[in-house]
Amino acid sequence: MILTDRDILELEIQLLRFWQKERIQFIYKYKHRIMEFREGDRVPTELFHDITCGKMFRDVKDIVSYDDVYPEDVRSHVGGHLADRTTPVFRVDLK
């Protein structure tokens, strides 16, 4: 099965809604894995492993791509990503 951009968007929205419901506030990416960021947490929780080779959550920076970057430097807000994906402007770009 090949995922279209629309399929990927819908899956991202569902995951973000689930994480928000579970009170996950911040995420970051490490080697195509979406991780939960919690201040002071030494053992990160893996939320999702992107097997699409980076097609999902393209706007979340992967810290493996940078030198001397830590999760707290690139963490991003789940609510912000959800808002971005559910605005009409974002969705029109996929047509």
PDB file of N, CA and C in Angstrom:
ATOM      1  N   MET A   1       0.844  -1.186   0.000  1.00  0.00           N
ATOM      2  CA  MET A   1       0.000   0.000   0.000  1.00  0.00           C
ATOM      3  C   MET A   1       0.881   1.238   0.000  1.00  0.00           C
ATOM      4  N   ILE A   2       0.605   2.135  -0.883  1.00  0.00           N
ATOM      5  CA  ILE A   2       1.354   3.382  -0.976  1.00  0.00           C
ATOM      6  C   ILE A   2       0.517   4.489  -0.331  1.00  0.00           C
ATOM      7  N   LEU A   3       1.147   5.211   0.570  1.00  0.00           N
ATOM      8  CA  LEU A   3       0.456   6.303   1.247  1.00  0.00           C
ATOM      9  C   LEU A   3       0.579   7.590   0.435  1.00  0.00           C
ATOM     10  N   THR A   4      -0.541   8.256   0.233  1.00  0.00           N
ATOM     11  CA  THR A   4      -0.531   9.561  -0.422  1.00  0.00           C
ATOM     12  C   THR A   4      -0.240  10.631   0.627  1.00  0.00           C
ATOM     13  N   ASP A   5       0.031  11.845   0.166  1.00  0.00           N
ATOM     14  CA  ASP A   5       0.249  12.953   1.103  1.00  0.00           C
ATOM     15  C   ASP A   5      -0.973  13.165   1.989  1.00  0.00           C
ATOM     16  N   ARG A   6      -2.152  12.981   1.423  1.00  0.00           N
ATOM     17  CA  ARG A   6      -3.389  13.143   2.200  1.00  0.00           C
ATOM     18  C   ARG A   6      -3.495  12.063   3.279  1.00  0.00           C
ATOM     19  N   ASP A   7      -3.129  10.823   2.934  1.00  0.00           N
ATOM     20  CA  ASP A   7      -3.131   9.730   3.919  1.00  0.00           C
ATOM     21  C   ASP A   7      -2.177  10.042   5.069  1.00  0.00           C
ATOM     22  N   ILE A   8      -1.005  10.526   4.714  1.00  0.00           N
ATOM     23  CA  ILE A   8       0.004  10.856   5.723  1.00  0.00           C
ATOM     24  C   ILE A   8      -0.496  11.966   6.629  1.00  0.00           C
ATOM     25  N   LEU A   9      -1.110  12.993   6.038  1.00  0.00           N
ATOM     26  CA  LEU A   9      -1.657  14.096   6.830  1.00  0.00           C
ATOM     27  C   LEU A   9      -2.713  13.593   7.809  1.00  0.00           C
ATOM     28  N   GLU A  10      -3.623  12.762   7.343  1.00  0.00           N
ATOM     29  CA  GLU A  10      -4.685  12.248   8.212  1.00  0.00           C
ATOM     30  C   GLU A  10      -4.115  11.401   9.348  1.00  0.00           C
ATOM     31  N   LEU A  11      -3.113  10.606   9.050  1.00  0.00           N
ATOM     32  CA  LEU A  11      -2.478   9.802  10.099  1.00  0.00           C
ATOM     33  C   LEU A  11      -1.770  10.694  11.115  1.00  0.00           C
ATOM     34  N   GLU A  12      -1.073  11.721  10.635  1.00  0.00           N
ATOM     35  CA  GLU A  12      -0.417  12.660  11.554  1.00  0.00           C
ATOM     36  C   GLU A  12      -1.427  13.341  12.457  1.00  0.00           C
ATOM     37  N   ILE A  13      -2.542  13.760  11.902  1.00  0.00           N
ATOM     38  CA  ILE A  13      -3.582  14.430  12.698  1.00  0.00           C
ATOM     39  C   ILE A  13      -4.104  13.485  13.778  1.00  0.00           C
ATOM     40  N   GLN A  14      -4.368  12.248  13.416  1.00  0.00           N
ATOM     41  CA  GLN A  14      -4.866  11.278  14.392  1.00  0.00           C
ATOM     42  C   GLN A  14      -3.850  11.037  15.505  1.00  0.00           C
ATOM     43  N   LEU A  15      -2.585  10.891  15.144  1.00  0.00           N
ATOM     44  CA  LEU A  15      -1.543  10.691  16.160  1.00  0.00           C
ATOM     45  C   LEU A  15      -1.430  11.911  17.064  1.00  0.00           C
ATOM     46  N   LEU A  16      -1.428  13.099  16.486  1.00  0.00           N
ATOM     47  CA  LEU A  16      -1.311  14.328  17.287  1.00  0.00           C
ATOM     48  C   LEU A  16      -2.505  14.478  18.227  1.00  0.00           C
ATOM     49  N   ARG A  17      -3.691  14.172  17.760  1.00  0.00           N
ATOM     50  CA  ARG A  17      -4.879  14.240  18.629  1.00  0.00           C
ATOM     51  C   ARG A  17      -4.769  13.243  19.784  1.00  0.00           C
ATOM     52  N   PHE A  18      -4.306  12.050  19.477  1.00  0.00           N
ATOM     53  CA  PHE A  18      -4.132  11.037  20.521  1.00  0.00           C
ATOM     54  C   PHE A  18      -3.111  11.502  21.551  1.00  0.00           C
ATOM     55  N   TRP A  19      -1.970  11.996  21.081  1.00  0.00           N
ATOM     56  CA  TRP A  19      -0.927  12.453  22.007  1.00  0.00           C
ATOM     57  C   TRP A  19      -1.420  13.617  22.851  1.00  0.00           C
ATOM     58  N   GLN A  20      -2.153  14.528  22.237  1.00  0.00           N
ATOM     59  CA  GLN A  20      -2.694  15.659  22.995  1.00  0.00           C
ATOM     60  C   GLN A  20      -3.675  15.165  24.056  1.00  0.00           C
ATOM     61  N   LYS A  21      -4.505  14.211  23.703  1.00  0.00           N
ATOM     62  CA  LYS A  21      -5.460  13.622  24.650  1.00  0.00           C
ATOM     63  C   LYS A  21      -4.723  12.972  25.820  1.00  0.00           C
ATOM     64  N   GLU A  22      -3.562  12.392  25.539  1.00  0.00           N
ATOM     65  CA  GLU A  22      -2.754  11.740  26.574  1.00  0.00           C
ATOM     66  C   GLU A  22      -1.839  12.731  27.309  1.00  0.00           C
ATOM     67  N   ARG A  23      -2.063  14.000  27.073  1.00  0.00           N
ATOM     68  CA  ARG A  23      -1.342  15.103  27.740  1.00  0.00           C
ATOM     69  C   ARG A  23       0.153  15.142  27.410  1.00  0.00           C
ATOM     70  N   ILE A  24       0.486  14.740  26.216  1.00  0.00           N
ATOM     71  CA  ILE A  24       1.858  14.882  25.740  1.00  0.00           C
ATOM     72  C   ILE A  24       1.958  16.269  25.125  1.00  0.00           C
ATOM     73  N   GLN A  25       2.859  17.079  25.649  1.00  0.00           N
ATOM     74  CA  GLN A  25       2.947  18.464  25.205  1.00  0.00           C
ATOM     75  C   GLN A  25       4.007  18.698  24.142  1.00  0.00           C
ATOM     76  N   PHE A  26       5.176  18.067  24.294  1.00  0.00           N
ATOM     77  CA  PHE A  26       6.287  18.347  23.384  1.00  0.00           C
ATOM     78  C   PHE A  26       6.833  17.068  22.777  1.00  0.00           C
ATOM     79  N   ILE A  27       7.264  17.174  21.524  1.00  0.00           N
ATOM     80  CA  ILE A  27       7.870  16.057  20.821  1.00  0.00           C
ATOM     81  C   ILE A  27       9.156  16.518  20.149  1.00  0.00           C
ATOM     82  N   TYR A  28       9.976  15.541  19.778  1.00  0.00           N
ATOM     83  CA  TYR A  28      11.131  15.795  18.925  1.00  0.00           C
ATOM     84  C   TYR A  28      11.374  14.527  18.117  1.00  0.00           C
ATOM     85  N   LYS A  29      12.230  14.632  17.099  1.00  0.00           N
ATOM     86  CA  LYS A  29      12.496  13.484  16.234  1.00  0.00           C
ATOM     87  C   LYS A  29      13.959  13.071  16.367  1.00  0.00           C
ATOM     88  N   TYR A  30      14.179  11.761  16.449  1.00  0.00           N
ATOM     89  CA  TYR A  30      15.521  11.196  16.475  1.00  0.00           C
ATOM     90  C   TYR A  30      15.527   9.940  15.605  1.00  0.00           C
ATOM     91  N   LYS A  31      16.257   9.987  14.510  1.00  0.00           N
ATOM     92  CA  LYS A  31      16.359   8.866  13.567  1.00  0.00           C
ATOM     93  C   LYS A  31      14.983   8.353  13.135  1.00  0.00           C
ATOM     94  N   HIS A  32      14.165   9.257  12.659  1.00  0.00           N
ATOM     95  CA  HIS A  32      12.812   8.955  12.168  1.00  0.00           C
ATOM     96  C   HIS A  32      11.881   8.432  13.252  1.00  0.00           C
ATOM     97  N   ARG A  33      12.237   8.633  14.504  1.00  0.00           N
ATOM     98  CA  ARG A  33      11.363   8.238  15.609  1.00  0.00           C
ATOM     99  C   ARG A  33      10.848   9.507  16.287  1.00  0.00           C
ATOM    100  N   ILE A  34       9.555   9.566  16.508  1.00  0.00           N
ATOM    101  CA  ILE A  34       8.985  10.687  17.244  1.00  0.00           C
ATOM    102  C   ILE A  34       9.035  10.317  18.721  1.00  0.00           C
ATOM    103  N   MET A  35       9.675  11.189  19.480  1.00  0.00           N
ATOM    104  CA  MET A  35       9.899  10.956  20.902  1.00  0.00           C
ATOM    105  C   MET A  35       9.158  12.014  21.719  1.00  0.00           C
ATOM    106  N   GLU A  36       8.742  11.632  22.899  1.00  0.00           N
ATOM    107  CA  GLU A  36       8.147  12.605  23.819  1.00  0.00           C
ATOM    108  C   GLU A  36       9.269  13.339  24.534  1.00  0.00           C
ATOM    109  N   PHE A  37       9.141  14.662  24.609  1.00  0.00           N
ATOM    110  CA  PHE A  37      10.104  15.451  25.369  1.00  0.00           C
ATOM    111  C   PHE A  37       9.478  15.825  26.703  1.00  0.00           C
ATOM    112  N   ARG A  38      10.145  15.436  27.780  1.00  0.00           N
ATOM    113  CA  ARG A  38       9.754  15.856  29.130  1.00  0.00           C
ATOM    114  C   ARG A  38      11.004  16.373  29.815  1.00  0.00           C
ATOM    115  N   GLU A  39      10.896  17.557  30.363  1.00  0.00           N
ATOM    116  CA  GLU A  39      12.029  18.205  31.045  1.00  0.00           C
ATOM    117  C   GLU A  39      12.592  17.275  32.112  1.00  0.00           C
ATOM    118  N   GLY A  40      13.905  17.046  32.047  1.00  0.00           N
ATOM    119  CA  GLY A  40      14.577  16.247  33.053  1.00  0.00           C
ATOM    120  C   GLY A  40      14.436  14.744  32.890  1.00  0.00           C
ATOM    121  N   ASP A  41      13.737  14.309  31.847  1.00  0.00           N
ATOM    122  CA  ASP A  41      13.531  12.881  31.625  1.00  0.00           C
ATOM    123  C   ASP A  41      14.743  12.300  30.906  1.00  0.00           C
ATOM    124  N   ARG A  42      15.459  11.411  31.558  1.00  0.00           N
ATOM    125  CA  ARG A  42      16.675  10.832  30.969  1.00  0.00           C
ATOM    126  C   ARG A  42      16.376   9.665  30.030  1.00  0.00           C
ATOM    127  N   VAL A  43      15.222   9.054  30.177  1.00  0.00           N
ATOM    128  CA  VAL A  43      14.849   7.940  29.314  1.00  0.00           C
ATOM    129  C   VAL A  43      13.643   8.380  28.485  1.00  0.00           C
ATOM    130  N   PRO A  44      13.889   8.767  27.231  1.00  0.00           N
ATOM    131  CA  PRO A  44      12.775   9.269  26.416  1.00  0.00           C
ATOM    132  C   PRO A  44      11.795   8.154  26.042  1.00  0.00           C
ATOM    133  N   THR A  45      10.568   8.545  25.823  1.00  0.00           N
ATOM    134  CA  THR A  45       9.534   7.615  25.412  1.00  0.00           C
ATOM    135  C   THR A  45       9.347   7.721  23.904  1.00  0.00           C
ATOM    136  N   GLU A  46       9.502   6.603  23.215  1.00  0.00           N
ATOM    137  CA  GLU A  46       9.272   6.600  21.770  1.00  0.00           C
ATOM    138  C   GLU A  46       7.774   6.507  21.525  1.00  0.00           C
ATOM    139  N   LEU A  47       7.248   7.467  20.776  1.00  0.00           N
ATOM    140  CA  LEU A  47       5.817   7.499  20.493  1.00  0.00           C
ATOM    141  C   LEU A  47       5.481   6.854  19.159  1.00  0.00           C
ATOM    142  N   PHE A  48       6.378   7.006  18.192  1.00  0.00           N
ATOM    143  CA  PHE A  48       6.071   6.549  16.839  1.00  0.00           C
ATOM    144  C   PHE A  48       7.360   6.375  16.058  1.00  0.00           C
ATOM    145  N   HIS A  49       7.471   5.281  15.323  1.00  0.00           N
ATOM    146  CA  HIS A  49       8.624   5.044  14.456  1.00  0.00           C
ATOM    147  C   HIS A  49       8.142   5.181  13.016  1.00  0.00           C
ATOM    148  N   ASP A  50       8.661   6.190  12.339  1.00  0.00           N
ATOM    149  CA  ASP A  50       8.254   6.498  10.971  1.00  0.00           C
ATOM    150  C   ASP A  50       8.978   5.576   9.999  1.00  0.00           C
ATOM    151  N   ILE A  51       8.277   4.586   9.497  1.00  0.00           N
ATOM    152  CA  ILE A  51       8.894   3.657   8.556  1.00  0.00           C
ATOM    153  C   ILE A  51       8.755   4.135   7.114  1.00  0.00           C
ATOM    154  N   THR A  52       8.265   5.353   6.919  1.00  0.00           N
ATOM    155  CA  THR A  52       8.146   5.928   5.581  1.00  0.00           C
ATOM    156  C   THR A  52       9.418   6.673   5.183  1.00  0.00           C
ATOM    157  N   CYS A  53      10.472   6.504   5.938  1.00  0.00           N
ATOM    158  CA  CYS A  53      11.768   7.154   5.659  1.00  0.00           C
ATOM    159  C   CYS A  53      11.684   8.673   5.670  1.00  0.00           C
ATOM    160  N   GLY A  54      10.977   9.200   6.638  1.00  0.00           N
ATOM    161  CA  GLY A  54      10.957  10.642   6.833  1.00  0.00           C
ATOM    162  C   GLY A  54       9.840  11.395   6.155  1.00  0.00           C
ATOM    163  N   LYS A  55       8.882  10.714   5.545  1.00  0.00           N
ATOM    164  CA  LYS A  55       7.770  11.400   4.895  1.00  0.00           C
ATOM    165  C   LYS A  55       6.784  11.966   5.898  1.00  0.00           C
ATOM    166  N   MET A  56       6.758  11.393   7.100  1.00  0.00           N
ATOM    167  CA  MET A  56       5.830  11.878   8.122  1.00  0.00           C
ATOM    168  C   MET A  56       6.530  12.877   9.035  1.00  0.00           C
ATOM    169  N   PHE A  57       5.769  13.818   9.520  1.00  0.00           N
ATOM    170  CA  PHE A  57       6.265  14.838  10.444  1.00  0.00           C
ATOM    171  C   PHE A  57       7.517  15.513   9.886  1.00  0.00           C
ATOM    172  N   ARG A  58       7.440  15.918   8.632  1.00  0.00           N
ATOM    173  CA  ARG A  58       8.576  16.580   7.972  1.00  0.00           C
ATOM    174  C   ARG A  58       8.965  17.889   8.648  1.00  0.00           C
ATOM    175  N   ASP A  59       8.011  18.516   9.306  1.00  0.00           N
ATOM    176  CA  ASP A  59       8.288  19.803   9.942  1.00  0.00           C
ATOM    177  C   ASP A  59       8.894  19.658  11.339  1.00  0.00           C
ATOM    178  N   VAL A  60       9.090  18.438  11.807  1.00  0.00           N
ATOM    179  CA  VAL A  60       9.755  18.204  13.093  1.00  0.00           C
ATOM    180  C   VAL A  60      11.217  17.903  12.780  1.00  0.00           C
ATOM    181  N   LYS A  61      12.108  18.730  13.289  1.00  0.00           N
ATOM    182  CA  LYS A  61      13.534  18.576  13.001  1.00  0.00           C
ATOM    183  C   LYS A  61      14.086  17.300  13.629  1.00  0.00           C
ATOM    184  N   ASP A  62      14.849  16.554  12.844  1.00  0.00           N
ATOM    185  CA  ASP A  62      15.488  15.335  13.326  1.00  0.00           C
ATOM    186  C   ASP A  62      16.852  15.719  13.896  1.00  0.00           C
ATOM    187  N   ILE A  63      17.041  15.511  15.189  1.00  0.00           N
ATOM    188  CA  ILE A  63      18.272  15.978  15.834  1.00  0.00           C
ATOM    189  C   ILE A  63      19.512  15.246  15.354  1.00  0.00           C
ATOM    190  N   VAL A  64      19.345  14.097  14.719  1.00  0.00           N
ATOM    191  CA  VAL A  64      20.512  13.375  14.220  1.00  0.00           C
ATOM    192  C   VAL A  64      21.156  14.133  13.047  1.00  0.00           C
ATOM    193  N   SER A  65      20.422  15.047  12.435  1.00  0.00           N
ATOM    194  CA  SER A  65      20.926  15.809  11.291  1.00  0.00           C
ATOM    195  C   SER A  65      21.799  16.994  11.687  1.00  0.00           C
ATOM    196  N   TYR A  66      21.938  17.265  12.963  1.00  0.00           N
ATOM    197  CA  TYR A  66      22.660  18.445  13.439  1.00  0.00           C
ATOM    198  C   TYR A  66      23.755  18.043  14.426  1.00  0.00           C
ATOM    199  N   ASP A  67      24.795  18.848  14.473  1.00  0.00           N
ATOM    200  CA  ASP A  67      25.848  18.663  15.470  1.00  0.00           C
ATOM    201  C   ASP A  67      25.482  19.423  16.737  1.00  0.00           C
ATOM    202  N   ASP A  68      25.760  18.840  17.876  1.00  0.00           N
ATOM    203  CA  ASP A  68      25.562  19.493  19.170  1.00  0.00           C
ATOM    204  C   ASP A  68      24.157  20.044  19.372  1.00  0.00           C
ATOM    205  N   VAL A  69      23.168  19.283  18.976  1.00  0.00           N
ATOM    206  CA  VAL A  69      21.777  19.672  19.196  1.00  0.00           C
ATOM    207  C   VAL A  69      21.158  18.662  20.144  1.00  0.00           C
ATOM    208  N   TYR A  70      20.414  19.170  21.090  1.00  0.00           N
ATOM    209  CA  TYR A  70      19.781  18.333  22.099  1.00  0.00           C
ATOM    210  C   TYR A  70      18.266  18.441  21.959  1.00  0.00           C
ATOM    211  N   PRO A  71      17.529  17.470  22.483  1.00  0.00           N
ATOM    212  CA  PRO A  71      16.071  17.504  22.356  1.00  0.00           C
ATOM    213  C   PRO A  71      15.449  18.822  22.801  1.00  0.00           C
ATOM    214  N   GLU A  72      15.956  19.398  23.874  1.00  0.00           N
ATOM    215  CA  GLU A  72      15.370  20.661  24.342  1.00  0.00           C
ATOM    216  C   GLU A  72      15.577  21.806  23.355  1.00  0.00           C
ATOM    217  N   ASP A  73      16.559  21.673  22.462  1.00  0.00           N
ATOM    218  CA  ASP A  73      16.820  22.709  21.463  1.00  0.00           C
ATOM    219  C   ASP A  73      15.804  22.672  20.318  1.00  0.00           C
ATOM    220  N   VAL A  74      15.246  21.514  20.036  1.00  0.00           N
ATOM    221  CA  VAL A  74      14.358  21.377  18.877  1.00  0.00           C
ATOM    222  C   VAL A  74      12.961  20.859  19.232  1.00  0.00           C
ATOM    223  N   ARG A  75      12.664  20.753  20.498  1.00  0.00           N
ATOM    224  CA  ARG A  75      11.329  20.268  20.887  1.00  0.00           C
ATOM    225  C   ARG A  75      10.267  21.156  20.254  1.00  0.00           C
ATOM    226  N   SER A  76       9.151  20.560  19.950  1.00  0.00           N
ATOM    227  CA  SER A  76       8.062  21.336  19.365  1.00  0.00           C
ATOM    228  C   SER A  76       6.750  20.923  20.011  1.00  0.00           C
ATOM    229  N   HIS A  77       5.821  21.832  19.984  1.00  0.00           N
ATOM    230  CA  HIS A  77       4.563  21.678  20.702  1.00  0.00           C
ATOM    231  C   HIS A  77       3.557  20.867  19.883  1.00  0.00           C
ATOM    232  N   VAL A  78       3.014  19.839  20.495  1.00  0.00           N
ATOM    233  CA  VAL A  78       2.028  18.971  19.842  1.00  0.00           C
ATOM    234  C   VAL A  78       0.831  19.798  19.371  1.00  0.00           C
ATOM    235  N   GLY A  79       0.341  20.679  20.225  1.00  0.00           N
ATOM    236  CA  GLY A  79      -0.808  21.515  19.866  1.00  0.00           C
ATOM    237  C   GLY A  79      -0.533  22.405  18.668  1.00  0.00           C
ATOM    238  N   GLY A  80       0.684  22.897  18.559  1.00  0.00           N
ATOM    239  CA  GLY A  80       1.058  23.729  17.417  1.00  0.00           C
ATOM    240  C   GLY A  80       1.050  22.938  16.119  1.00  0.00           C
ATOM    241  N   HIS A  81       1.570  21.728  16.168  1.00  0.00           N
ATOM    242  CA  HIS A  81       1.563  20.881  14.967  1.00  0.00           C
ATOM    243  C   HIS A  81       0.139  20.506  14.578  1.00  0.00           C
ATOM    244  N   LEU A  82      -0.693  20.231  15.566  1.00  0.00           N
ATOM    245  CA  LEU A  82      -2.082  19.890  15.278  1.00  0.00           C
ATOM    246  C   LEU A  82      -2.809  21.084  14.657  1.00  0.00           C
ATOM    247  N   ALA A  83      -2.599  22.270  15.203  1.00  0.00           N
ATOM    248  CA  ALA A  83      -3.228  23.478  14.652  1.00  0.00           C
ATOM    249  C   ALA A  83      -2.761  23.719  13.217  1.00  0.00           C
ATOM    250  N   ASP A  84      -1.475  23.533  12.963  1.00  0.00           N
ATOM    251  CA  ASP A  84      -0.950  23.727  11.612  1.00  0.00           C
ATOM    252  C   ASP A  84      -1.614  22.781  10.618  1.00  0.00           C
ATOM    253  N   ARG A  85      -1.824  21.547  11.016  1.00  0.00           N
ATOM    254  CA  ARG A  85      -2.358  20.534  10.106  1.00  0.00           C
ATOM    255  C   ARG A  85      -3.868  20.634   9.912  1.00  0.00           C
ATOM    256  N   THR A  86      -4.542  21.307  10.780  1.00  0.00           N
ATOM    257  CA  THR A  86      -6.000  21.390  10.655  1.00  0.00           C
ATOM    258  C   THR A  86      -6.475  22.737  10.132  1.00  0.00           C
ATOM    259  N   THR A  87      -5.544  23.630   9.787  1.00  0.00           N
ATOM    260  CA  THR A  87      -5.943  24.905   9.187  1.00  0.00           C
ATOM    261  C   THR A  87      -6.183  24.697   7.692  1.00  0.00           C
ATOM    262  N   PRO A  88      -7.152  25.410   7.121  1.00  0.00           N
ATOM    263  CA  PRO A  88      -7.450  25.245   5.696  1.00  0.00           C
ATOM    264  C   PRO A  88      -6.248  25.518   4.776  1.00  0.00           C
ATOM    265  N   VAL A  89      -5.398  26.463   5.118  1.00  0.00           N
ATOM    266  CA  VAL A  89      -4.253  26.801   4.273  1.00  0.00           C
ATOM    267  C   VAL A  89      -3.326  25.603   4.142  1.00  0.00           C
ATOM    268  N   PHE A  90      -3.031  24.926   5.225  1.00  0.00           N
ATOM    269  CA  PHE A  90      -2.136  23.758   5.206  1.00  0.00           C
ATOM    270  C   PHE A  90      -2.743  22.668   4.329  1.00  0.00           C
ATOM    271  N   ARG A  91      -4.018  22.433   4.447  1.00  0.00           N
ATOM    272  CA  ARG A  91      -4.667  21.347   3.725  1.00  0.00           C
ATOM    273  C   ARG A  91      -4.769  21.629   2.229  1.00  0.00           C
ATOM    274  N   VAL A  92      -4.901  22.907   1.841  1.00  0.00           N
ATOM    275  CA  VAL A  92      -4.982  23.260   0.422  1.00  0.00           C
ATOM    276  C   VAL A  92      -3.660  22.952  -0.274  1.00  0.00           C
ATOM    277  N   ASP A  93      -2.540  23.111   0.429  1.00  0.00           N
ATOM    278  CA  ASP A  93      -1.229  22.847  -0.155  1.00  0.00           C
ATOM    279  C   ASP A  93      -1.063  21.403  -0.591  1.00  0.00           C
ATOM    280  N   LEU A  94      -1.856  20.490  -0.073  1.00  0.00           N
ATOM    281  CA  LEU A  94      -1.716  19.080  -0.397  1.00  0.00           C
ATOM    282  C   LEU A  94      -2.463  18.672  -1.659  1.00  0.00           C
ATOM    283  N   LYS A  95      -3.295  19.552  -2.189  1.00  0.00           N
ATOM    284  CA  LYS A  95      -4.093  19.183  -3.384  1.00  0.00           C
ATOM    285  C   LYS A  95      -3.253  19.192  -4.629  1.00  0.00           C
TER     286      LYS A  95
END
